[in-house]
Amino acid sequence: MKDFVQKKKVITQERIKQLLEQHYKKATSTTTLMLFATGLAGCGGGDDDSGATISIGTVFDGPLSAARVFIDANENGLLDASEDWALTNSDGSYSLSTTQTGSLGVVSTSETIDKSSGVAVTGLSLFAPANSNVISPATTVVKAMVDNYIALNPSATAEDLETATTAAYDDTLEALGLSPDLDLTSFNPFSTDVDGSSADAVAYAQKAAQIVAVANTVAEAESAAGGGDKAGILSAALTEIATQIQASAASDTTVTINTAFVNKIIEEAAPTMEADATLKADISGAITKVSESLEQITDVAASSDLFYASQAVLVESAVERSTTGTSDILSALSTSTDVATLASSLVKVTGTTRGTIGEDVTSDETTGDISVTGSLTVDDTYKFSTVATPVTRTGETNVGSLSITEDGVWTYTIGSENAALLNSLQSIENKGTINYSFTKNDAGYKSDEYFQPAEIFRVGVLDADGNPVEIEAGVPLTKLISVSVEGANDTVILNVSATTISDVAYTQGDAITSI
């Protein structure tokens, strides 16, 4: 790590207790191998009313672009409107000046890119304890261990909590196979000051990539299968991963990310998959194969192909399998005898794969349609098929349509004639289908109401002659584009210039059948 400047930080015992006793609610909402936001534990200048001197830090060479780094001042796991945040630069660097204190978090957006693989990282938040200078899967595991200790020991003293935090770091080091003297609060294997082929850098990258591959793939697949909002699923998955890592440390062993491990995460975090033995086996098998390939990493800087396979190909094929009941790409991963070689031959597709559309989008002045656009990128040797195939569950259809050019520019459109959908936007809630305050066997754990609908489309990649590019014989390479449809319970927005209005009476909640 270079060019890092940090003032001395002093936090009173009372402040430590105050921060740790606030229950940590994880807000995870993508796929990445090693989300690092290297920098500060708290920022700004001056003292707060509990005696903390605030630190300032600026860091360069981080691998995340366009992610939001923030101080979780109220310790609720969310980037709230009142909390300070900064956007990472194209090289992953950021500078955040604030007088707030609390844990450090990073929230990926639809614009976030993991520079180690070129993959768009959407829907993932990771956290670290307040004294950490990095945010990674490892620090997220540490935080989950501390949270679990707090839940089991609500009367713990400040000294007890300090001891528990130290033990959590030590347990994570041991279970991940890292040197006992490695500092997880500052170690970054992507830093130019770190030998990317060193034992600790390789072991860290392997385990972090595996952790995120498991948690993120399970969360995406479960959500696609109708199991709920991704944020809660990912949170539950990471919590169970922390439990398994802590168990490995207790037995003085390095955690093994194998089929049994993956199945346990599915059992605890993904009730829909757990209830479908075939789906569970398919998803678990592919995750395990990719996880095994990640063990072959020998140099962090030379592993972008494997990172891409675990972040993009695995996740998208799992989503397709959960949604449609089949995925040739997932089957190819599951049956491959050499995922690393398969990954090295992949044609990489990057760019915007996620979009969001809602009732408040400005409609076309002529047609009244609402739309959202994005673009995919591929090497100049290739182009995109202009046919976008809906990816839906059996018996369902997408309401909107997606068009794409050979150059990868796509447009998702909901036509103004679809008054029923525009009205249905009134009752869509953004979050909350799984109540994780219950166990998976309790009544009320899962609700089928108020899903945030997402419409998915599959597009193909063609070579210069217009033939489908294949990842192996008979298995075409495809890319998924997903658009979330959001709404709020307010007045319907209509474009008067594009819509003929007639006087009708209706009650809030009734379907609009004429306008």
Protein backbone atom coordinates (compact mmCIF):
# COMPACT_ATOMS: atom_id res chain seq x y z
CA MET A 1 0.00 0.00 0.00
CA LYS A 2 1.41 3.42 -0.82
CA ASP A 3 0.83 7.08 -0.09
CA PHE A 4 -1.26 6.38 2.98
CA VAL A 5 -1.23 9.02 5.68
CA GLN A 6 -3.14 8.57 8.92
CA LYS A 7 -3.27 10.59 12.10
CA LYS A 8 -3.11 8.88 15.47
CA LYS A 9 -6.46 7.52 16.50
CA VAL A 10 -7.59 7.24 20.11
CA ILE A 11 -10.91 5.62 20.96
CA THR A 12 -12.05 5.28 24.54
CA GLN A 13 -13.15 1.96 26.01
CA GLU A 14 -16.67 3.32 26.37
CA ARG A 15 -16.77 4.22 22.67
CA ILE A 16 -15.58 0.73 21.72
CA LYS A 17 -18.35 -0.78 23.79
CA GLN A 18 -20.90 1.61 22.31
CA LEU A 19 -19.93 0.71 18.76
CA LEU A 20 -19.81 -3.01 19.33
CA GLU A 21 -23.05 -3.21 21.29
CA GLN A 22 -25.01 -1.73 18.41
CA HIS A 23 -26.26 -4.79 16.58
CA TYR A 24 -24.81 -5.11 13.11
CA LYS A 25 -27.49 -5.61 10.49
CA LYS A 26 -25.81 -6.57 7.26
CA ALA A 27 -27.16 -4.88 4.17
CA THR A 28 -25.79 -6.89 1.30
CA SER A 29 -27.18 -6.29 -1.93
CA THR A 30 -22.73 -8.81 -6.83
CA THR A 31 -20.41 -10.67 -7.49
CA THR A 32 -16.75 -10.12 -6.70
CA LEU A 33 -13.72 -11.89 -5.67
CA MET A 34 -11.95 -9.38 -3.52
CA LEU A 35 -13.76 -6.18 -2.78
CA PHE A 36 -11.16 -3.90 -1.29
CA ALA A 37 -11.63 -0.33 -0.21
CA THR A 38 -8.31 0.39 1.42
CA GLY A 39 -8.16 3.47 3.53
CA LEU A 40 -9.63 4.75 6.72
CA ALA A 41 -11.33 3.52 9.82
CA GLY A 42 -12.89 6.88 10.60
CA CYS A 43 -12.33 10.20 8.88
CA GLY A 44 -12.35 13.92 9.36
CA GLY A 45 -10.95 15.93 12.23
CA GLY A 46 -11.83 16.68 15.81
CA ASP A 47 -13.40 14.80 18.68
CA ASP A 48 -16.85 13.36 19.15
CA ASP A 49 -18.67 13.36 22.47
CA SER A 50 -17.25 9.97 23.43
CA GLY A 51 -13.63 11.09 23.08
CA ALA A 52 -12.63 9.69 19.70
CA THR A 53 -10.08 11.58 17.63
CA ILE A 54 -11.09 11.25 14.00
CA SER A 55 -8.60 10.04 11.41
CA ILE A 56 -8.02 11.10 7.81
CA GLY A 57 -6.66 8.79 5.13
CA THR A 58 -6.18 8.68 1.38
CA VAL A 59 -5.29 5.50 -0.49
CA PHE A 60 -4.27 4.65 -4.05
CA ASP A 61 -4.26 1.44 -6.09
CA GLY A 62 -7.55 -0.10 -4.88
CA PRO A 63 -9.27 -2.43 -7.40
CA LEU A 64 -12.86 -1.10 -7.13
CA SER A 65 -14.10 1.65 -9.41
CA ALA A 66 -17.26 3.70 -8.70
CA ALA A 67 -18.12 2.09 -5.36
CA ARG A 68 -19.46 4.06 -2.41
CA VAL A 69 -17.26 3.97 0.67
CA PHE A 70 -19.02 5.23 3.80
CA ILE A 71 -18.89 5.55 7.56
CA ASP A 72 -21.71 3.52 9.11
CA ALA A 73 -22.31 6.07 11.85
CA ASN A 74 -25.44 4.45 13.26
CA GLU A 75 -24.14 0.89 12.77
CA ASN A 76 -27.22 -0.30 10.89
CA GLY A 77 -25.32 -1.68 7.89
CA LEU A 78 -26.92 0.81 5.51
CA LEU A 79 -25.67 3.88 3.69
CA ASP A 80 -28.15 6.35 5.16
CA ALA A 81 -28.83 9.84 3.84
CA SER A 82 -27.15 11.41 6.87
CA GLU A 83 -23.92 9.43 6.51
CA ASP A 84 -20.83 10.67 4.69
CA TRP A 85 -19.57 8.72 1.72
CA ALA A 86 -17.11 9.01 -1.14
CA LEU A 87 -17.00 7.45 -4.59
CA THR A 88 -13.92 5.48 -5.52
CA ASN A 89 -11.96 6.69 -8.54
CA SER A 90 -11.27 4.75 -11.71
CA ASP A 91 -8.22 3.18 -10.06
CA GLY A 92 -10.11 2.33 -6.89
CA SER A 93 -8.68 5.15 -4.82
CA TYR A 94 -10.79 7.45 -2.67
CA SER A 95 -10.59 10.21 -0.12
CA LEU A 96 -13.29 10.63 2.50
CA SER A 97 -13.32 13.53 4.92
CA THR A 98 -15.84 13.34 7.75
CA THR A 99 -16.37 14.01 11.43
CA GLN A 100 -18.46 10.85 11.79
CA THR A 101 -17.26 7.63 13.41
CA GLY A 102 -18.34 4.04 13.03
CA SER A 103 -17.66 0.93 11.00
CA LEU A 104 -16.43 1.23 7.44
CA GLY A 105 -18.61 -0.04 4.61
CA VAL A 106 -18.55 -0.25 0.84
CA VAL A 107 -21.65 -0.40 -1.33
CA SER A 108 -21.40 -1.44 -4.96
CA THR A 109 -23.67 0.19 -7.52
CA SER A 110 -24.65 -0.65 -11.08
CA GLU A 111 -21.60 1.38 -12.14
CA THR A 112 -19.07 -0.42 -9.92
CA ILE A 113 -16.35 -2.36 -11.73
CA ASP A 114 -13.94 -4.84 -10.18
CA LYS A 115 -10.66 -3.87 -11.82
CA SER A 116 -9.14 -7.32 -11.23
CA SER A 117 -11.62 -8.95 -13.62
CA GLY A 118 -13.48 -6.16 -15.45
CA VAL A 119 -16.79 -7.49 -14.11
CA ALA A 120 -19.61 -5.12 -13.17
CA VAL A 121 -20.21 -5.52 -9.45
CA THR A 122 -23.80 -4.91 -8.41
CA GLY A 123 -25.72 -5.57 -5.23
CA LEU A 124 -22.99 -6.32 -2.71
CA SER A 125 -22.03 -4.55 0.51
CA LEU A 126 -19.16 -5.61 2.75
CA PHE A 127 -18.04 -4.22 6.08
CA ALA A 128 -15.14 -4.04 8.49
CA PRO A 129 -14.68 -3.21 12.17
CA ALA A 130 -14.06 0.44 12.95
CA ASN A 131 -10.28 0.06 13.23
CA SER A 132 -9.76 -1.60 9.84
CA ASN A 133 -8.08 0.04 6.87
CA VAL A 134 -9.45 -2.48 4.37
CA ILE A 135 -12.88 -3.89 3.65
CA SER A 136 -12.84 -7.45 2.36
CA PRO A 137 -14.61 -10.78 2.71
CA ALA A 138 -12.18 -11.54 5.55
CA THR A 139 -13.05 -8.41 7.54
CA THR A 140 -16.74 -9.08 6.89
CA VAL A 141 -16.27 -12.53 8.44
CA VAL A 142 -14.53 -10.96 11.43
CA LYS A 143 -17.40 -8.52 11.87
CA ALA A 144 -19.94 -11.35 11.73
CA MET A 145 -18.02 -13.27 14.40
CA VAL A 146 -18.05 -10.24 16.70
CA ASP A 147 -21.76 -9.73 16.08
CA ASN A 148 -22.42 -13.34 17.00
CA TYR A 149 -20.44 -12.92 20.21
CA ILE A 150 -22.46 -9.82 21.11
CA ALA A 151 -25.72 -11.66 20.48
CA LEU A 152 -24.64 -14.51 22.77
CA ASN A 153 -23.08 -12.26 25.41
CA PRO A 154 -25.21 -9.11 25.73
CA SER A 155 -23.63 -8.24 29.10
CA ALA A 156 -20.04 -8.49 27.91
CA THR A 157 -17.67 -5.82 29.18
CA ALA A 158 -15.59 -3.58 26.93
CA GLU A 159 -12.56 -5.73 27.73
CA ASP A 160 -14.52 -8.86 26.81
CA LEU A 161 -15.47 -7.34 23.48
CA GLU A 162 -11.89 -6.33 22.73
CA THR A 163 -10.78 -9.86 23.46
CA ALA A 164 -13.55 -11.27 21.25
CA THR A 165 -12.56 -8.97 18.38
CA THR A 166 -8.90 -9.99 18.64
CA ALA A 167 -9.93 -13.64 18.75
CA ALA A 168 -12.11 -13.16 15.66
CA TYR A 169 -9.15 -11.80 13.69
CA ASP A 170 -6.93 -14.65 14.92
CA ASP A 171 -9.55 -17.29 14.09
CA THR A 172 -10.01 -15.87 10.59
CA LEU A 173 -6.26 -15.90 9.96
CA GLU A 174 -5.99 -19.52 11.07
CA ALA A 175 -9.02 -20.77 9.16
CA LEU A 176 -7.96 -19.03 5.94
CA GLY A 177 -4.45 -20.48 6.16
CA LEU A 178 -2.70 -17.14 6.63
CA SER A 179 0.37 -16.24 8.68
CA PRO A 180 -0.58 -15.64 12.33
CA ASP A 181 1.16 -12.26 12.37
CA LEU A 182 -0.59 -10.93 9.24
CA ASP A 183 -2.60 -7.76 9.89
CA LEU A 184 -6.04 -8.21 8.33
CA THR A 185 -6.87 -4.56 9.04
CA SER A 186 -4.32 -3.40 6.46
CA PHE A 187 -3.21 -6.30 4.26
CA ASN A 188 -4.15 -5.91 0.60
CA PRO A 189 -2.81 -8.53 -1.83
CA PHE A 190 -3.61 -6.20 -4.75
CA SER A 191 -1.28 -3.48 -3.49
CA THR A 192 1.81 -2.80 -5.57
CA ASP A 193 3.79 -3.09 -2.34
CA VAL A 194 2.75 -6.73 -1.91
CA ASP A 195 4.26 -9.66 -3.81
CA GLY A 196 1.21 -11.12 -5.53
CA SER A 197 2.83 -14.55 -5.66
CA SER A 198 3.68 -14.67 -1.94
CA ALA A 199 2.06 -17.38 0.17
CA ASP A 200 -0.15 -14.97 2.10
CA ALA A 201 -1.26 -13.01 -0.97
CA VAL A 202 -2.19 -16.20 -2.82
CA ALA A 203 -3.96 -17.80 0.16
CA TYR A 204 -5.88 -14.60 0.88
CA ALA A 205 -6.99 -14.20 -2.74
CA GLN A 206 -8.00 -17.85 -3.00
CA LYS A 207 -10.18 -17.88 0.12
CA ALA A 208 -11.68 -14.44 -0.46
CA ALA A 209 -12.61 -15.38 -4.03
CA GLN A 210 -14.14 -18.63 -2.80
CA ILE A 211 -16.12 -16.94 -0.02
CA VAL A 212 -17.66 -14.42 -2.39
CA ALA A 213 -18.28 -17.05 -5.08
CA VAL A 214 -20.26 -19.11 -2.58
CA ALA A 215 -22.17 -16.30 -0.88
CA ASN A 216 -22.93 -14.24 -3.95
CA THR A 217 -23.89 -17.16 -6.19
CA VAL A 218 -26.18 -18.63 -3.53
CA ALA A 219 -27.81 -15.22 -2.99
CA GLU A 220 -28.31 -14.51 -6.69
CA ALA A 221 -29.61 -18.02 -7.42
CA GLU A 222 -31.97 -18.09 -4.43
CA SER A 223 -33.37 -14.67 -5.29
CA ALA A 224 -33.87 -15.72 -8.92
CA ALA A 225 -35.68 -18.86 -7.75
CA GLY A 226 -38.18 -16.69 -5.90
CA GLY A 227 -36.61 -16.99 -2.47
CA GLY A 228 -36.60 -13.29 -1.64
CA ASP A 229 -34.51 -10.17 -1.77
CA LYS A 230 -30.80 -10.74 -2.43
CA ALA A 231 -29.66 -8.49 0.40
CA GLY A 232 -31.06 -10.62 3.18
CA ILE A 233 -30.00 -13.89 1.54
CA LEU A 234 -26.42 -12.72 1.11
CA SER A 235 -26.33 -11.51 4.70
CA ALA A 236 -27.48 -14.91 5.96
CA ALA A 237 -24.96 -16.67 3.71
CA LEU A 238 -22.05 -14.59 4.97
CA THR A 239 -23.14 -15.14 8.58
CA GLU A 240 -23.15 -18.92 8.10
CA ILE A 241 -19.79 -18.74 6.33
CA ALA A 242 -18.41 -16.96 9.40
CA THR A 243 -19.81 -19.74 11.60
CA GLN A 244 -18.11 -22.40 9.48
CA ILE A 245 -14.81 -20.51 9.48
CA GLN A 246 -14.95 -20.12 13.25
CA ALA A 247 -15.59 -23.85 13.60
CA SER A 248 -12.53 -24.61 11.47
CA ALA A 249 -10.40 -22.36 13.64
CA ALA A 250 -11.70 -24.08 16.77
CA SER A 251 -10.47 -27.39 15.38
CA ASP A 252 -7.16 -25.82 14.25
CA THR A 253 -7.82 -26.52 10.58
CA THR A 254 -7.95 -24.48 7.40
CA VAL A 255 -11.47 -24.20 6.07
CA THR A 256 -12.18 -26.24 2.95
CA ILE A 257 -14.72 -24.80 0.50
CA ASN A 258 -16.14 -28.09 -0.75
CA THR A 259 -19.58 -29.53 -1.52
CA ALA A 260 -20.41 -30.07 2.15
CA PHE A 261 -19.50 -26.46 2.92
CA VAL A 262 -21.60 -25.08 0.06
CA ASN A 263 -24.55 -27.30 0.95
CA LYS A 264 -24.48 -26.01 4.52
CA ILE A 265 -24.64 -22.41 3.31
CA ILE A 266 -27.60 -23.26 1.07
CA GLU A 267 -29.32 -25.07 3.94
CA GLU A 268 -29.07 -22.05 6.24
CA ALA A 269 -29.54 -19.17 3.79
CA ALA A 270 -31.52 -20.40 0.79
CA PRO A 271 -34.82 -22.13 1.73
CA THR A 272 -36.14 -22.30 -1.84
CA MET A 273 -33.05 -24.09 -3.12
CA GLU A 274 -32.93 -26.27 -0.02
CA ALA A 275 -36.45 -27.48 -0.84
CA ASP A 276 -35.46 -28.41 -4.41
CA ALA A 277 -32.86 -31.19 -4.24
CA THR A 278 -32.06 -31.08 -7.96
CA LEU A 279 -31.60 -27.31 -8.03
CA LYS A 280 -29.46 -27.46 -4.90
CA ALA A 281 -27.25 -30.18 -6.37
CA ASP A 282 -26.80 -28.32 -9.67
CA ILE A 283 -25.89 -25.00 -8.05
CA SER A 284 -23.72 -26.58 -5.37
CA GLY A 285 -21.86 -28.70 -7.92
CA ALA A 286 -20.96 -25.73 -10.11
CA ILE A 287 -19.88 -23.59 -7.15
CA THR A 288 -17.69 -26.41 -5.87
CA LYS A 289 -16.00 -26.91 -9.26
CA VAL A 290 -15.24 -23.20 -9.58
CA SER A 291 -14.05 -23.08 -5.97
CA GLU A 292 -11.64 -25.93 -6.68
CA SER A 293 -10.26 -24.01 -9.66
CA LEU A 294 -9.63 -20.96 -7.48
CA GLU A 295 -7.27 -23.11 -5.41
CA GLN A 296 -5.00 -23.10 -8.47
CA ILE A 297 -4.25 -19.39 -8.14
CA THR A 298 -0.49 -18.88 -7.90
CA ASP A 299 -0.22 -15.17 -8.66
CA VAL A 300 -2.91 -12.61 -7.82
CA ALA A 301 -2.08 -10.36 -10.76
CA ALA A 302 -2.28 -13.22 -13.27
CA SER A 303 -5.65 -14.60 -12.19
CA SER A 304 -8.16 -12.34 -13.92
CA ASP A 305 -9.57 -15.22 -16.01
CA LEU A 306 -10.49 -17.25 -12.93
CA PHE A 307 -11.86 -14.17 -11.20
CA TYR A 308 -14.06 -13.48 -14.24
CA ALA A 309 -15.32 -17.06 -14.31
CA SER A 310 -16.25 -16.98 -10.62
CA GLN A 311 -17.81 -13.52 -10.67
CA ALA A 312 -19.63 -13.42 -14.00
CA VAL A 313 -20.02 -16.83 -15.64
CA LEU A 314 -20.82 -18.82 -12.49
CA VAL A 315 -23.30 -16.30 -11.11
CA GLU A 316 -25.17 -15.70 -14.37
CA SER A 317 -25.47 -19.40 -15.19
CA ALA A 318 -26.77 -20.06 -11.66
CA VAL A 319 -29.38 -17.35 -12.11
CA GLU A 320 -30.43 -18.85 -15.45
CA ARG A 321 -30.69 -22.33 -13.92
CA SER A 322 -32.77 -21.06 -10.99
CA THR A 323 -35.09 -19.12 -13.27
CA THR A 324 -35.64 -21.43 -16.23
CA GLY A 325 -34.76 -24.83 -14.82
CA THR A 326 -31.77 -25.35 -17.10
CA SER A 327 -28.42 -23.81 -18.04
CA ASP A 328 -25.95 -25.33 -20.47
CA ILE A 329 -23.19 -23.09 -19.14
CA LEU A 330 -23.78 -24.19 -15.54
CA SER A 331 -23.67 -27.81 -16.69
CA ALA A 332 -20.40 -27.12 -18.50
CA LEU A 333 -18.89 -25.71 -15.32
CA SER A 334 -20.14 -28.63 -13.24
CA THR A 335 -18.78 -31.30 -15.58
CA SER A 336 -15.56 -29.59 -16.63
CA THR A 337 -12.36 -31.42 -15.77
CA ASP A 338 -10.38 -28.19 -15.96
CA VAL A 339 -12.28 -25.01 -15.14
CA ALA A 340 -9.05 -23.00 -15.16
CA THR A 341 -8.40 -23.89 -18.81
CA LEU A 342 -12.02 -23.21 -19.68
CA ALA A 343 -11.75 -19.81 -17.97
CA SER A 344 -8.61 -18.91 -19.90
CA SER A 345 -10.44 -19.38 -23.21
CA LEU A 346 -13.51 -17.32 -22.32
CA VAL A 347 -14.41 -14.28 -24.40
CA LYS A 348 -14.98 -11.62 -21.75
CA VAL A 349 -18.06 -9.44 -21.93
CA THR A 350 -18.06 -6.36 -19.73
CA GLY A 351 -20.20 -3.26 -19.39
CA THR A 352 -23.63 -2.54 -17.92
CA THR A 353 -25.58 -5.71 -17.18
CA ARG A 354 -28.04 -4.26 -14.66
CA GLY A 355 -30.62 -1.51 -14.93
CA THR A 356 -33.45 -0.05 -12.87
CA ILE A 357 -36.71 1.40 -14.12
CA GLY A 358 -39.63 2.89 -12.22
CA GLU A 359 -42.84 4.81 -12.59
CA ASP A 360 -41.08 8.15 -12.20
CA VAL A 361 -38.92 7.66 -15.30
CA THR A 362 -39.58 10.39 -17.86
CA SER A 363 -41.65 8.86 -20.64
CA ASP A 364 -41.19 9.32 -24.37
CA GLU A 365 -43.05 12.45 -25.49
CA THR A 366 -44.50 10.71 -28.53
CA THR A 367 -45.22 7.15 -27.41
CA GLY A 368 -45.47 7.48 -23.64
CA ASP A 369 -43.14 4.49 -23.23
CA ILE A 370 -40.60 4.40 -20.41
CA SER A 371 -37.16 2.91 -20.94
CA VAL A 372 -33.65 2.48 -19.56
CA THR A 373 -30.45 1.91 -21.53
CA GLY A 374 -27.00 0.44 -21.06
CA SER A 375 -24.18 -1.04 -23.10
CA LEU A 376 -22.06 -4.18 -23.21
CA THR A 377 -18.48 -4.34 -24.43
CA VAL A 378 -16.56 -7.13 -26.11
CA ASP A 379 -13.31 -7.35 -28.08
CA ASP A 380 -13.56 -5.84 -31.58
CA THR A 381 -13.23 -9.32 -33.07
CA TYR A 382 -16.74 -10.10 -31.85
CA LYS A 383 -20.22 -8.61 -31.88
CA PHE A 384 -23.56 -9.22 -30.20
CA SER A 385 -26.61 -11.01 -31.51
CA THR A 386 -29.48 -8.57 -31.93
CA VAL A 387 -31.92 -11.15 -30.55
CA ALA A 388 -32.58 -10.81 -26.81
CA THR A 389 -34.30 -13.88 -25.36
CA PRO A 390 -36.45 -13.48 -22.22
CA VAL A 391 -35.27 -15.57 -19.26
CA THR A 392 -38.40 -16.44 -17.27
CA ARG A 393 -39.90 -19.05 -15.00
CA THR A 394 -42.23 -21.61 -16.58
CA GLY A 395 -45.58 -20.04 -17.41
CA GLU A 396 -44.39 -16.47 -16.90
CA THR A 397 -43.59 -13.77 -19.44
CA ASN A 398 -41.63 -10.54 -19.30
CA VAL A 399 -43.79 -7.45 -19.54
CA GLY A 400 -41.09 -5.21 -20.96
CA SER A 401 -38.95 -5.83 -24.03
CA LEU A 402 -35.22 -5.51 -24.66
CA SER A 403 -33.48 -4.59 -27.89
CA ILE A 404 -29.72 -4.65 -28.46
CA THR A 405 -27.43 -3.56 -31.28
CA GLU A 406 -24.45 -5.48 -32.63
CA ASP A 407 -22.27 -2.98 -30.76
CA GLY A 408 -23.90 -3.91 -27.46
CA VAL A 409 -26.12 -0.88 -26.81
CA TRP A 410 -29.31 -2.17 -25.19
CA THR A 411 -32.66 -0.59 -24.37
CA TYR A 412 -35.31 -2.00 -22.07
CA THR A 413 -38.81 -0.61 -22.67
CA ILE A 414 -42.21 -0.81 -20.98
CA GLY A 415 -44.90 0.29 -23.40
CA SER A 416 -47.44 2.92 -22.40
CA GLU A 417 -50.24 0.55 -23.42
CA ASN A 418 -49.43 -1.60 -20.39
CA ALA A 419 -51.57 0.31 -17.89
CA ALA A 420 -51.81 -2.72 -15.62
CA LEU A 421 -48.05 -2.78 -15.05
CA LEU A 422 -47.86 0.96 -14.53
CA ASN A 423 -50.54 0.62 -11.89
CA SER A 424 -48.82 -2.39 -10.31
CA LEU A 425 -45.78 -0.21 -9.71
CA GLN A 426 -47.87 1.48 -7.04
CA SER A 427 -47.68 -1.55 -4.76
CA ILE A 428 -44.10 -2.71 -5.26
CA GLU A 429 -41.91 -2.58 -2.17
CA ASN A 430 -38.16 -2.48 -2.72
CA LYS A 431 -37.06 -4.81 0.07
CA GLY A 432 -38.14 -7.54 2.39
CA THR A 433 -39.42 -11.00 1.60
CA ILE A 434 -37.42 -13.01 4.12
CA ASN A 435 -37.64 -12.24 7.84
CA TYR A 436 -34.24 -13.29 9.16
CA SER A 437 -35.25 -12.63 12.77
CA PHE A 438 -36.94 -16.05 12.50
CA THR A 439 -35.36 -19.40 11.79
CA LYS A 440 -36.10 -21.05 8.46
CA ASN A 441 -38.65 -23.38 10.10
CA ASP A 442 -40.68 -20.61 11.77
CA ALA A 443 -43.98 -19.31 10.43
CA GLY A 444 -43.43 -15.92 8.86
CA TYR A 445 -39.84 -16.66 7.80
CA LYS A 446 -40.70 -16.41 4.11
CA SER A 447 -43.34 -14.25 2.47
CA ASP A 448 -44.28 -14.47 -1.20
CA GLU A 449 -45.62 -10.91 -1.20
CA TYR A 450 -43.94 -7.76 -2.41
CA PHE A 451 -41.12 -9.14 -4.49
CA GLN A 452 -39.23 -6.50 -6.41
CA PRO A 453 -39.67 -7.85 -9.95
CA ALA A 454 -36.64 -8.18 -12.20
CA GLU A 455 -36.87 -8.95 -15.90
CA ILE A 456 -33.95 -10.89 -17.36
CA PHE A 457 -32.85 -11.28 -20.98
CA ARG A 458 -30.15 -13.43 -22.57
CA VAL A 459 -28.00 -12.19 -25.45
CA GLY A 460 -25.45 -14.12 -27.48
CA VAL A 461 -21.94 -13.29 -28.67
CA LEU A 462 -21.04 -13.82 -32.34
CA ASP A 463 -17.73 -14.08 -34.15
CA ALA A 464 -16.81 -11.99 -37.19
CA ASP A 465 -18.71 -14.38 -39.47
CA GLY A 466 -21.86 -14.18 -37.38
CA ASN A 467 -21.49 -17.62 -35.80
CA PRO A 468 -22.20 -18.13 -32.08
CA VAL A 469 -19.12 -18.08 -29.86
CA GLU A 470 -18.98 -21.22 -27.70
CA ILE A 471 -17.34 -21.83 -24.33
CA GLU A 472 -17.12 -25.49 -25.31
CA ALA A 473 -18.57 -27.56 -28.15
CA GLY A 474 -22.32 -27.05 -28.33
CA VAL A 475 -22.49 -24.51 -25.47
CA PRO A 476 -22.94 -20.93 -26.74
CA LEU A 477 -21.50 -18.05 -24.75
CA THR A 478 -24.27 -15.75 -23.52
CA LYS A 479 -24.65 -12.73 -21.26
CA LEU A 480 -27.59 -11.87 -19.01
CA ILE A 481 -29.08 -8.39 -18.73
CA SER A 482 -31.34 -7.79 -15.74
CA VAL A 483 -33.65 -4.81 -15.17
CA SER A 484 -35.30 -4.24 -11.79
CA VAL A 485 -38.75 -2.66 -11.84
CA GLU A 486 -39.31 -0.38 -8.87
CA GLY A 487 -42.27 1.64 -7.67
CA ALA A 488 -43.78 3.51 -4.76
CA ASN A 489 -47.25 3.98 -3.33
CA ASP A 490 -47.98 7.42 -4.71
CA THR A 491 -49.84 9.07 -7.56
CA VAL A 492 -49.56 7.46 -10.99
CA ILE A 493 -47.42 9.54 -13.34
CA LEU A 494 -48.84 9.99 -16.84
CA ASN A 495 -47.47 11.84 -19.83
CA VAL A 496 -50.34 14.10 -20.90
CA SER A 497 -48.86 14.83 -24.32
CA ALA A 498 -48.69 11.11 -25.15
CA THR A 499 -51.83 9.85 -23.45
CA THR A 500 -55.45 10.73 -23.98
CA ILE A 501 -56.98 11.41 -20.57
CA SER A 502 -60.64 10.78 -19.80
CA ASP A 503 -62.39 11.32 -16.47
CA VAL A 504 -62.67 8.11 -14.47
CA ALA A 505 -63.05 7.38 -10.78
CA TYR A 506 -60.88 4.88 -8.96
CA THR A 507 -59.82 3.93 -5.47
CA GLN A 508 -56.14 3.58 -4.54
CA GLY A 509 -55.22 -0.08 -5.04
CA ASP A 510 -57.80 -0.75 -7.76
CA ALA A 511 -56.52 -1.74 -11.19
CA ILE A 512 -56.64 1.00 -13.81
CA THR A 513 -58.50 -0.38 -16.81
CA SER A 514 -58.99 2.84 -18.75
CA ILE A 515 -57.49 6.31 -18.89
